[in-house]
Amino acid sequence: MARKGLRREWRNVPSSSTYGGGSCFRLHLRLRRENSSLRSGCGLLLSENQATPIDIFVFSFFLACSAMASLPPPQARQTIDLLINNLVNIKDTTGQFLLHLQDGRIIDTKSWAGWEWTHGIGLYGIWKYYEMTGDAKLLGIIEDWFAARFAEGGTTKNINTMAVFLTLAYVYEKTGNVTYLPWLDAWAEWAMHDLPRTRYGGMQHATYLTENHQQLWDDTLMMTVMPLAKIGKLLNRPAYIAEAKRQFLVHIKYLFDTKTGLWFHGWTFEDGGHNFANARWARGNSWVTIAIPEIIELLDLEPEDPLRIHLIDTLEAQCEALQRFQTDAGYWRTLLDHEDSYVESSATAGFAYGILKAVRKRYIRADYKAVADKAIAAVVKAVDEKGELLNTSFGTAMGDTLDFYKQIPLTAMPYGQAMAIMALGEYLRGCL
């Protein structure tokens, strides 16, 4: 698109202005008498004194195509700080999001002091950013959460409450705190031997409220299978690792939609076997986008490993579909293939994280980065001045109708905050 004989060179120059508390960069356009490719920078403002109208048009078009990659690292870090502060201070002031159990217990799924999968993902988001920064305050937040929950005596073992042990396994590996070991051992043994299974050995998605008899959910891969795999590697228990591999295969078999490349939310072996509402639900799909790169990296699967190849093929198919269903603004809808469903930010963040990581690890094609960068821009826009990720849907059970998913309320949740933290953290990895 460059005019013949002219070279356009992009240069980052510090600006006296600020944006969102972070450094802003002015992008200068210089024209030189030679042919060359464009070099992109992180700027947002154009100095027009040396540019012709056609240059301005070209530059505007370039920005329109690359705006998603223009987030300055200082702004990304500031946004992450806001997200973390909001995460650890979330409160359910209405009681709308409490789980009332038959034994009289009340589980707070929203506030930071509860124990549910919502907190498991919240902890993991903070841990991932701690891995990048080494900030002792972040490790302290995690350790304080576990100290408080363990002092309370723990909770019921189920698919969702197992989620916190992915982070605990990493913290034990880092700190060597021996008080964590009995918890890791007991819960992993439960997942390996006592967690109910469906036909053909799938992990039944049992929760606080319901047994979900003979049901497979895509959420399970993130909530229980990933922790089991990590503990298996940490404690040198190959049987755990083998079981985790098997669970990925079982869930792919029953939840992967060969027609679209997306995943159905769930499967039941009852009533002849079916995928409930055939819902290609966004956040459920995003757990897969996250979990596949995570498990390949965690188990260090060799390039020629058949499971690795199968996982990557499955992820590639999903990414192809995600590219088709992404909105112009960079989001995905809560029902990916239904334009009458609302855009959902936590899934958008999850997709961004998984795709960016898979590209960085060279699991999938590099051109998918443009899809993730577009999603990053959307995620940043969805974070308000208080650090809340807006348009986050509440925890979603299995729906028998598509309308069920469209009616799930939107509210700040620990997992939404964490998925945005993970996405922006992975974005920063790409800026190194």
Protein backbone atom coordinates (compact mmCIF):
# COMPACT_ATOMS: atom_id res chain seq x y z
CA MET A 1 0.00 0.00 0.00
CA ALA A 2 3.02 2.29 0.25
CA ARG A 3 3.55 4.81 -2.54
CA LYS A 4 6.41 3.93 -4.85
CA GLY A 5 9.78 5.13 -3.67
CA LEU A 6 8.62 6.03 -0.20
CA ARG A 7 9.39 4.32 3.08
CA ARG A 8 7.13 4.67 6.08
CA GLU A 9 8.86 4.25 9.41
CA TRP A 10 7.01 3.99 12.70
CA ARG A 11 8.74 5.29 15.77
CA ASN A 12 7.66 5.21 19.44
CA VAL A 13 8.20 8.54 21.17
CA PRO A 14 7.16 9.19 24.79
CA SER A 15 4.31 11.64 25.02
CA SER A 16 3.61 14.11 27.78
CA SER A 17 0.03 12.89 27.87
CA THR A 18 -1.14 9.83 29.75
CA TYR A 19 -3.85 7.30 29.07
CA GLY A 20 -5.41 5.28 31.85
CA GLY A 21 -2.53 6.12 34.16
CA GLY A 22 0.04 4.44 31.90
CA SER A 23 2.48 5.83 29.38
CA CYS A 24 1.02 6.93 26.10
CA PHE A 25 3.05 6.88 22.93
CA ARG A 26 2.90 9.22 19.96
CA LEU A 27 3.34 7.49 16.65
CA HIS A 28 5.34 9.57 14.19
CA LEU A 29 5.21 9.02 10.47
CA ARG A 30 8.36 9.69 8.51
CA LEU A 31 8.73 9.36 4.78
CA ARG A 32 12.03 8.32 3.25
CA ARG A 33 13.17 7.75 -0.32
CA GLU A 34 13.42 3.97 -0.35
CA ASN A 35 11.16 0.96 -0.44
CA SER A 36 10.55 -0.89 2.81
CA SER A 37 7.89 -2.68 4.83
CA LEU A 38 6.00 -1.01 7.61
CA ARG A 39 7.28 -1.50 11.10
CA SER A 40 4.46 -1.33 13.60
CA GLY A 41 4.71 0.32 17.00
CA CYS A 42 2.52 0.78 20.04
CA GLY A 43 1.37 4.31 19.25
CA LEU A 44 -2.04 5.82 19.00
CA LEU A 45 -1.48 9.43 17.89
CA LEU A 46 -0.33 10.56 14.43
CA SER A 47 1.89 13.54 13.76
CA GLU A 48 0.46 14.85 10.49
CA ASN A 49 2.88 17.62 9.61
CA GLN A 50 4.87 15.38 7.23
CA ALA A 51 1.99 13.29 5.91
CA THR A 52 -0.07 13.70 2.75
CA PRO A 53 -3.80 12.89 2.65
CA ILE A 54 -3.09 9.49 1.13
CA ASP A 55 -0.57 8.81 3.90
CA ILE A 56 -3.19 9.66 6.51
CA PHE A 57 -5.68 7.34 4.81
CA VAL A 58 -3.15 4.51 4.72
CA PHE A 59 -2.23 5.09 8.34
CA SER A 60 -5.89 5.18 9.42
CA PHE A 61 -6.53 1.92 7.62
CA PHE A 62 -3.46 0.41 9.26
CA LEU A 63 -4.68 1.46 12.69
CA ALA A 64 -8.12 0.06 12.03
CA CYS A 65 -6.54 -3.30 11.23
CA SER A 66 -4.07 -3.28 14.10
CA ALA A 67 -5.81 -1.35 16.87
CA MET A 68 -6.20 -4.53 18.86
CA ALA A 69 -2.41 -4.78 19.17
CA SER A 70 -1.93 -1.16 20.32
CA LEU A 71 -2.41 -1.65 24.07
CA PRO A 72 0.70 -0.23 25.77
CA PRO A 73 2.14 -2.59 28.40
CA PRO A 74 1.85 0.01 31.20
CA GLN A 75 -1.88 0.28 30.54
CA ALA A 76 -2.22 -3.51 30.50
CA ARG A 77 -0.44 -3.77 33.85
CA GLN A 78 -2.57 -1.02 35.38
CA THR A 79 -5.72 -2.76 34.17
CA ILE A 80 -4.54 -6.03 35.72
CA ASP A 81 -3.96 -4.27 39.05
CA LEU A 82 -7.51 -2.90 38.95
CA LEU A 83 -8.90 -6.33 38.11
CA ILE A 84 -7.06 -7.97 41.01
CA ASN A 85 -8.17 -5.32 43.49
CA ASN A 86 -11.77 -5.78 42.37
CA LEU A 87 -11.46 -9.56 42.49
CA VAL A 88 -10.42 -9.76 46.13
CA ASN A 89 -13.03 -7.20 47.18
CA ILE A 90 -16.08 -8.55 45.35
CA LYS A 91 -19.14 -8.75 47.58
CA ASP A 92 -22.60 -10.23 47.09
CA THR A 93 -24.60 -7.43 48.67
CA THR A 94 -27.97 -8.80 47.55
CA GLY A 95 -27.75 -12.49 48.43
CA GLN A 96 -28.84 -13.25 44.87
CA PHE A 97 -25.81 -15.41 44.15
CA LEU A 98 -25.72 -17.58 47.27
CA LEU A 99 -26.11 -21.35 47.09
CA HIS A 100 -28.43 -22.69 49.79
CA LEU A 101 -27.59 -26.35 50.48
CA GLN A 102 -29.95 -28.92 51.96
CA ASP A 103 -27.75 -29.32 55.03
CA GLY A 104 -28.20 -25.65 55.88
CA ARG A 105 -24.88 -24.39 54.61
CA ILE A 106 -24.77 -21.29 52.46
CA ILE A 107 -22.04 -21.11 49.80
CA ASP A 108 -21.07 -17.62 48.68
CA THR A 109 -20.09 -18.09 45.04
CA LYS A 110 -19.39 -14.42 44.42
CA SER A 111 -17.52 -12.96 47.41
CA TRP A 112 -13.84 -13.78 47.81
CA ALA A 113 -14.26 -15.70 51.07
CA GLY A 114 -16.23 -18.62 49.57
CA TRP A 115 -15.09 -22.01 48.21
CA GLU A 116 -16.45 -22.88 44.78
CA TRP A 117 -15.08 -23.21 41.25
CA THR A 118 -15.51 -19.46 40.97
CA HIS A 119 -12.74 -19.04 43.52
CA GLY A 120 -10.65 -21.78 41.95
CA ILE A 121 -10.43 -19.81 38.72
CA GLY A 122 -9.93 -16.59 40.67
CA LEU A 123 -6.93 -18.06 42.47
CA TYR A 124 -5.46 -19.40 39.25
CA GLY A 125 -5.69 -16.00 37.58
CA ILE A 126 -3.76 -14.40 40.43
CA TRP A 127 -1.24 -17.25 40.36
CA LYS A 128 -0.60 -16.85 36.64
CA TYR A 129 0.20 -13.18 37.14
CA TYR A 130 2.40 -14.01 40.14
CA GLU A 131 4.36 -16.36 37.88
CA MET A 132 5.07 -13.41 35.60
CA THR A 133 5.86 -10.78 38.22
CA GLY A 134 7.11 -12.57 41.33
CA ASP A 135 5.09 -10.05 43.34
CA ALA A 136 5.04 -11.38 46.90
CA LYS A 137 1.73 -9.61 47.58
CA LEU A 138 0.02 -11.83 45.04
CA LEU A 139 1.41 -14.99 46.61
CA GLY A 140 0.27 -13.66 49.97
CA ILE A 141 -3.30 -13.21 48.70
CA ILE A 142 -3.35 -16.84 47.59
CA GLU A 143 -1.79 -18.23 50.77
CA ASP A 144 -4.16 -16.20 52.94
CA TRP A 145 -7.16 -17.57 51.05
CA PHE A 146 -6.07 -21.18 51.60
CA ALA A 147 -5.20 -20.55 55.26
CA ALA A 148 -8.68 -19.16 55.90
CA ARG A 149 -10.53 -21.92 54.05
CA PHE A 150 -8.51 -24.71 55.65
CA ALA A 151 -9.08 -23.17 59.09
CA GLU A 152 -12.81 -23.43 58.37
CA GLY A 153 -12.37 -27.17 57.88
CA GLY A 154 -12.70 -27.46 54.12
CA THR A 155 -15.83 -28.21 52.15
CA THR A 156 -17.68 -30.89 50.20
CA LYS A 157 -15.64 -32.63 47.53
CA ASN A 158 -17.09 -32.23 44.05
CA ILE A 159 -16.04 -31.38 40.51
CA ASN A 160 -16.20 -27.64 41.14
CA THR A 161 -14.60 -27.42 44.57
CA MET A 162 -11.62 -29.39 43.23
CA ALA A 163 -10.69 -26.39 41.06
CA VAL A 164 -8.73 -24.60 43.81
CA PHE A 165 -6.18 -27.42 43.96
CA LEU A 166 -4.62 -26.53 40.63
CA THR A 167 -3.31 -23.35 42.23
CA LEU A 168 -2.46 -25.06 45.52
CA ALA A 169 -0.31 -27.59 43.69
CA TYR A 170 1.71 -24.79 42.13
CA VAL A 171 2.01 -22.97 45.45
CA TYR A 172 3.20 -26.15 47.17
CA GLU A 173 5.75 -26.64 44.40
CA LYS A 174 6.97 -23.07 44.95
CA THR A 175 6.96 -22.85 48.74
CA GLY A 176 7.27 -26.44 49.96
CA ASN A 177 4.67 -25.72 52.66
CA VAL A 178 4.17 -29.23 54.03
CA THR A 179 0.74 -28.40 55.45
CA TYR A 180 -0.59 -28.34 51.89
CA LEU A 181 0.47 -31.88 51.08
CA PRO A 182 -2.29 -33.76 52.96
CA TRP A 183 -4.92 -31.65 51.22
CA LEU A 184 -3.43 -32.29 47.80
CA ASP A 185 -3.18 -36.01 48.49
CA ALA A 186 -6.69 -36.43 49.90
CA TRP A 187 -8.49 -34.51 47.17
CA ALA A 188 -6.52 -36.07 44.32
CA GLU A 189 -7.21 -39.54 45.69
CA TRP A 190 -10.89 -38.67 45.82
CA ALA A 191 -10.87 -37.46 42.21
CA MET A 192 -9.00 -40.56 41.11
CA HIS A 193 -10.99 -43.19 42.96
CA ASP A 194 -14.21 -41.85 44.49
CA LEU A 195 -15.52 -39.18 42.14
CA PRO A 196 -18.55 -40.74 40.38
CA ARG A 197 -18.00 -41.81 36.78
CA THR A 198 -20.35 -42.00 33.83
CA ARG A 199 -20.51 -44.86 31.37
CA TYR A 200 -17.13 -45.37 29.72
CA GLY A 201 -15.35 -43.76 32.64
CA GLY A 202 -16.01 -40.05 32.20
CA MET A 203 -15.93 -37.85 35.29
CA GLN A 204 -19.54 -37.16 36.26
CA HIS A 205 -20.06 -33.44 36.81
CA ALA A 206 -21.25 -33.65 40.41
CA THR A 207 -21.72 -30.27 42.15
CA TYR A 208 -22.92 -28.88 45.48
CA LEU A 209 -26.55 -28.93 44.38
CA THR A 210 -26.93 -31.92 42.11
CA GLU A 211 -25.30 -35.22 41.23
CA ASN A 212 -25.82 -34.64 37.48
CA HIS A 213 -26.12 -38.38 37.01
CA GLN A 214 -24.37 -39.70 33.87
CA GLN A 215 -23.51 -36.18 32.69
CA LEU A 216 -20.30 -34.89 31.10
CA TRP A 217 -19.67 -31.11 31.05
CA ASP A 218 -16.84 -29.33 29.29
CA ASP A 219 -16.20 -27.36 32.52
CA THR A 220 -14.83 -30.54 34.12
CA LEU A 221 -11.59 -30.39 32.15
CA MET A 222 -10.63 -27.14 33.86
CA MET A 223 -12.16 -27.74 37.27
CA THR A 224 -10.95 -31.27 38.07
CA VAL A 225 -8.89 -32.79 35.26
CA MET A 226 -6.25 -30.05 35.23
CA PRO A 227 -5.73 -30.20 39.03
CA LEU A 228 -5.46 -34.00 38.91
CA ALA A 229 -2.84 -33.82 36.16
CA LYS A 230 -0.78 -31.21 38.01
CA ILE A 231 -0.87 -33.12 41.29
CA GLY A 232 0.04 -36.30 39.44
CA LYS A 233 3.12 -34.68 37.99
CA LEU A 234 4.02 -32.94 41.24
CA LEU A 235 3.74 -36.07 43.39
CA ASN A 236 5.05 -38.45 40.71
CA ARG A 237 1.83 -40.43 40.37
CA PRO A 238 1.64 -41.58 36.74
CA ALA A 239 -1.84 -43.04 37.22
CA TYR A 240 -3.23 -39.54 37.81
CA ILE A 241 -1.63 -38.32 34.60
CA ALA A 242 -2.95 -41.26 32.61
CA GLU A 243 -6.44 -40.61 33.97
CA ALA A 244 -6.24 -36.93 33.04
CA LYS A 245 -5.28 -37.87 29.49
CA ARG A 246 -8.18 -40.29 29.31
CA GLN A 247 -10.63 -37.64 30.49
CA PHE A 248 -9.61 -35.28 27.70
CA LEU A 249 -10.24 -38.04 25.17
CA VAL A 250 -13.61 -39.00 26.68
CA HIS A 251 -14.80 -35.40 26.77
CA ILE A 252 -13.69 -34.75 23.20
CA LYS A 253 -15.58 -37.86 22.07
CA TYR A 254 -18.92 -36.74 23.49
CA LEU A 255 -18.73 -32.93 23.51
CA PHE A 256 -16.84 -31.93 20.36
CA ASP A 257 -19.23 -30.90 17.59
CA THR A 258 -17.79 -32.17 14.31
CA LYS A 259 -20.13 -29.94 12.27
CA THR A 260 -18.93 -26.61 13.67
CA GLY A 261 -15.63 -27.32 15.43
CA LEU A 262 -17.11 -25.94 18.65
CA TRP A 263 -18.03 -27.83 21.82
CA PHE A 264 -21.42 -28.62 23.28
CA HIS A 265 -21.84 -27.67 26.92
CA GLY A 266 -22.77 -31.17 28.02
CA TRP A 267 -23.74 -34.74 27.27
CA THR A 268 -25.94 -37.22 29.11
CA PHE A 269 -25.91 -40.98 28.72
CA GLU A 270 -29.53 -41.09 29.87
CA ASP A 271 -32.59 -40.92 27.58
CA GLY A 272 -30.67 -42.54 24.75
CA GLY A 273 -27.78 -40.08 24.98
CA HIS A 274 -27.88 -36.45 23.81
CA ASN A 275 -26.27 -33.02 24.14
CA PHE A 276 -29.18 -31.40 25.99
CA ALA A 277 -30.02 -28.13 24.17
CA ASN A 278 -27.09 -28.55 21.76
CA ALA A 279 -25.77 -25.33 23.28
CA ARG A 280 -22.42 -24.19 21.98
CA TRP A 281 -21.94 -22.12 25.08
CA ALA A 282 -19.12 -19.60 25.06
CA ARG A 283 -17.57 -19.95 28.51
CA GLY A 284 -17.71 -23.73 28.34
CA ASN A 285 -15.87 -23.54 25.04
CA SER A 286 -13.34 -21.15 26.57
CA TRP A 287 -12.44 -23.69 29.27
CA VAL A 288 -11.36 -25.95 26.42
CA THR A 289 -9.38 -23.17 24.73
CA ILE A 290 -7.56 -22.63 28.01
CA ALA A 291 -7.17 -26.25 29.10
CA ILE A 292 -5.70 -27.70 25.91
CA PRO A 293 -2.59 -25.47 25.83
CA GLU A 294 -2.30 -25.83 29.60
CA ILE A 295 -2.32 -29.63 29.59
CA ILE A 296 0.12 -29.90 26.67
CA GLU A 297 2.55 -27.60 28.46
CA LEU A 298 2.01 -29.17 31.89
CA LEU A 299 2.66 -32.70 30.69
CA ASP A 300 5.36 -31.56 28.26
CA LEU A 301 3.88 -33.74 25.53
CA GLU A 302 6.33 -34.40 22.71
CA PRO A 303 5.51 -33.10 19.20
CA GLU A 304 4.99 -36.64 17.91
CA ASP A 305 2.79 -37.68 20.85
CA PRO A 306 -0.58 -38.85 19.43
CA LEU A 307 -2.52 -37.19 22.25
CA ARG A 308 -0.79 -33.87 21.65
CA ILE A 309 -1.54 -34.10 17.93
CA HIS A 310 -5.19 -34.90 18.64
CA LEU A 311 -5.52 -32.07 21.15
CA ILE A 312 -4.00 -29.56 18.77
CA ASP A 313 -6.19 -30.71 15.90
CA THR A 314 -9.21 -30.25 18.15
CA LEU A 315 -8.04 -26.80 19.23
CA GLU A 316 -7.36 -25.75 15.63
CA ALA A 317 -10.89 -26.75 14.64
CA GLN A 318 -12.29 -24.71 17.51
CA CYS A 319 -10.16 -21.68 16.65
CA GLU A 320 -11.33 -21.79 13.05
CA ALA A 321 -14.91 -21.65 14.29
CA LEU A 322 -14.16 -18.92 16.82
CA GLN A 323 -12.71 -16.77 14.07
CA ARG A 324 -16.00 -17.05 12.17
CA PHE A 325 -18.20 -16.23 15.14
CA GLN A 326 -16.24 -13.33 16.66
CA THR A 327 -18.18 -10.06 16.58
CA ASP A 328 -16.82 -6.97 14.87
CA ALA A 329 -16.12 -5.49 18.31
CA GLY A 330 -13.96 -8.48 19.27
CA TYR A 331 -16.36 -10.27 21.62
CA TRP A 332 -18.08 -13.61 21.42
CA ARG A 333 -21.71 -14.17 22.31
CA THR A 334 -22.78 -16.37 25.21
CA LEU A 335 -24.21 -18.76 22.60
CA LEU A 336 -21.47 -18.60 20.05
CA ASP A 337 -23.62 -19.25 16.99
CA HIS A 338 -26.71 -17.28 18.05
CA GLU A 339 -26.69 -13.58 17.22
CA ASP A 340 -29.68 -12.96 19.48
CA SER A 341 -27.65 -13.84 22.60
CA TYR A 342 -25.64 -11.22 24.48
CA VAL A 343 -21.88 -10.68 24.20
CA GLU A 344 -20.02 -12.23 27.13
CA SER A 345 -16.72 -10.89 28.46
CA SER A 346 -15.37 -13.75 30.57
CA ALA A 347 -15.48 -16.17 27.64
CA THR A 348 -13.93 -13.53 25.40
CA ALA A 349 -11.06 -13.21 27.86
CA GLY A 350 -10.71 -16.99 28.10
CA PHE A 351 -10.53 -17.34 24.33
CA ALA A 352 -7.94 -14.55 24.15
CA TYR A 353 -5.75 -16.26 26.76
CA GLY A 354 -5.93 -19.71 25.23
CA ILE A 355 -5.32 -18.55 21.67
CA LEU A 356 -2.44 -16.25 22.62
CA LYS A 357 -0.78 -19.00 24.64
CA ALA A 358 -1.29 -21.61 21.92
CA VAL A 359 0.25 -19.25 19.36
CA ARG A 360 3.18 -18.42 21.66
CA LYS A 361 3.83 -22.12 22.26
CA ARG A 362 3.54 -22.75 18.49
CA TYR A 363 0.68 -25.19 18.94
CA ILE A 364 -1.53 -23.39 16.40
CA ARG A 365 -0.96 -21.09 13.44
CA ALA A 366 0.39 -17.62 14.16
CA ASP A 367 -2.37 -15.89 12.20
CA TYR A 368 -4.83 -16.68 15.00
CA LYS A 369 -3.06 -14.03 17.06
CA ALA A 370 -5.06 -11.38 15.21
CA VAL A 371 -8.25 -12.97 16.55
CA ALA A 372 -6.90 -12.91 20.10
CA ASP A 373 -5.59 -9.35 19.82
CA LYS A 374 -9.02 -8.19 18.73
CA ALA A 375 -10.46 -9.93 21.79
CA ILE A 376 -7.89 -8.25 24.04
CA ALA A 377 -9.10 -4.84 22.87
CA ALA A 378 -12.66 -5.89 23.68
CA VAL A 379 -11.69 -7.12 27.16
CA VAL A 380 -9.95 -3.85 28.01
CA LYS A 381 -13.02 -1.88 26.94
CA ALA A 382 -15.15 -4.07 29.21
CA VAL A 383 -13.18 -3.17 32.36
CA ASP A 384 -14.71 -0.19 34.14
CA GLU A 385 -12.98 2.41 36.32
CA LYS A 386 -13.47 0.20 39.41
CA GLY A 387 -11.73 -2.73 37.76
CA GLU A 388 -14.89 -4.77 37.20
CA LEU A 389 -15.11 -6.87 34.05
CA LEU A 390 -18.54 -5.99 32.75
CA ASN A 391 -20.82 -8.36 30.83
CA THR A 392 -19.78 -11.43 32.82
CA SER A 393 -22.48 -14.06 33.01
CA PHE A 394 -23.24 -15.79 36.30
CA GLY A 395 -22.37 -19.45 36.84
CA THR A 396 -24.35 -21.48 34.36
CA ALA A 397 -25.86 -24.90 34.95
CA MET A 398 -26.82 -27.30 32.15
CA GLY A 399 -29.63 -25.86 30.07
CA ASP A 400 -32.39 -27.85 28.39
CA THR A 401 -33.21 -24.93 26.09
CA LEU A 402 -31.15 -22.30 24.34
CA ASP A 403 -33.25 -19.58 25.95
CA PHE A 404 -31.96 -20.75 29.35
CA TYR A 405 -28.47 -19.50 28.42
CA LYS A 406 -29.78 -16.21 27.08
CA GLN A 407 -31.46 -15.46 30.41
CA ILE A 408 -28.43 -15.98 32.69
CA PRO A 409 -27.85 -12.70 34.60
CA LEU A 410 -24.72 -10.60 34.24
CA THR A 411 -22.67 -9.79 37.35
CA ALA A 412 -19.08 -9.39 38.50
CA MET A 413 -17.59 -12.76 39.43
CA PRO A 414 -14.13 -13.95 40.53
CA TYR A 415 -13.68 -16.06 37.39
CA GLY A 416 -14.44 -13.15 35.07
CA GLN A 417 -11.84 -11.02 36.80
CA ALA A 418 -9.32 -13.86 36.68
CA MET A 419 -9.87 -14.71 33.04
CA ALA A 420 -9.26 -11.07 32.13
CA ILE A 421 -6.09 -11.09 34.26
CA MET A 422 -4.90 -14.22 32.47
CA ALA A 423 -5.66 -12.76 29.05
CA LEU A 424 -3.84 -9.49 29.70
CA GLY A 425 -0.95 -11.31 31.34
CA GLU A 426 -0.54 -13.53 28.29
CA TYR A 427 -0.77 -10.42 26.11
CA LEU A 428 2.14 -8.95 28.07
CA ARG A 429 4.13 -12.14 27.46
CA GLY A 430 3.80 -11.42 23.76
CA CYS A 431 5.23 -7.92 24.25
CA LEU A 432 8.54 -9.25 25.59
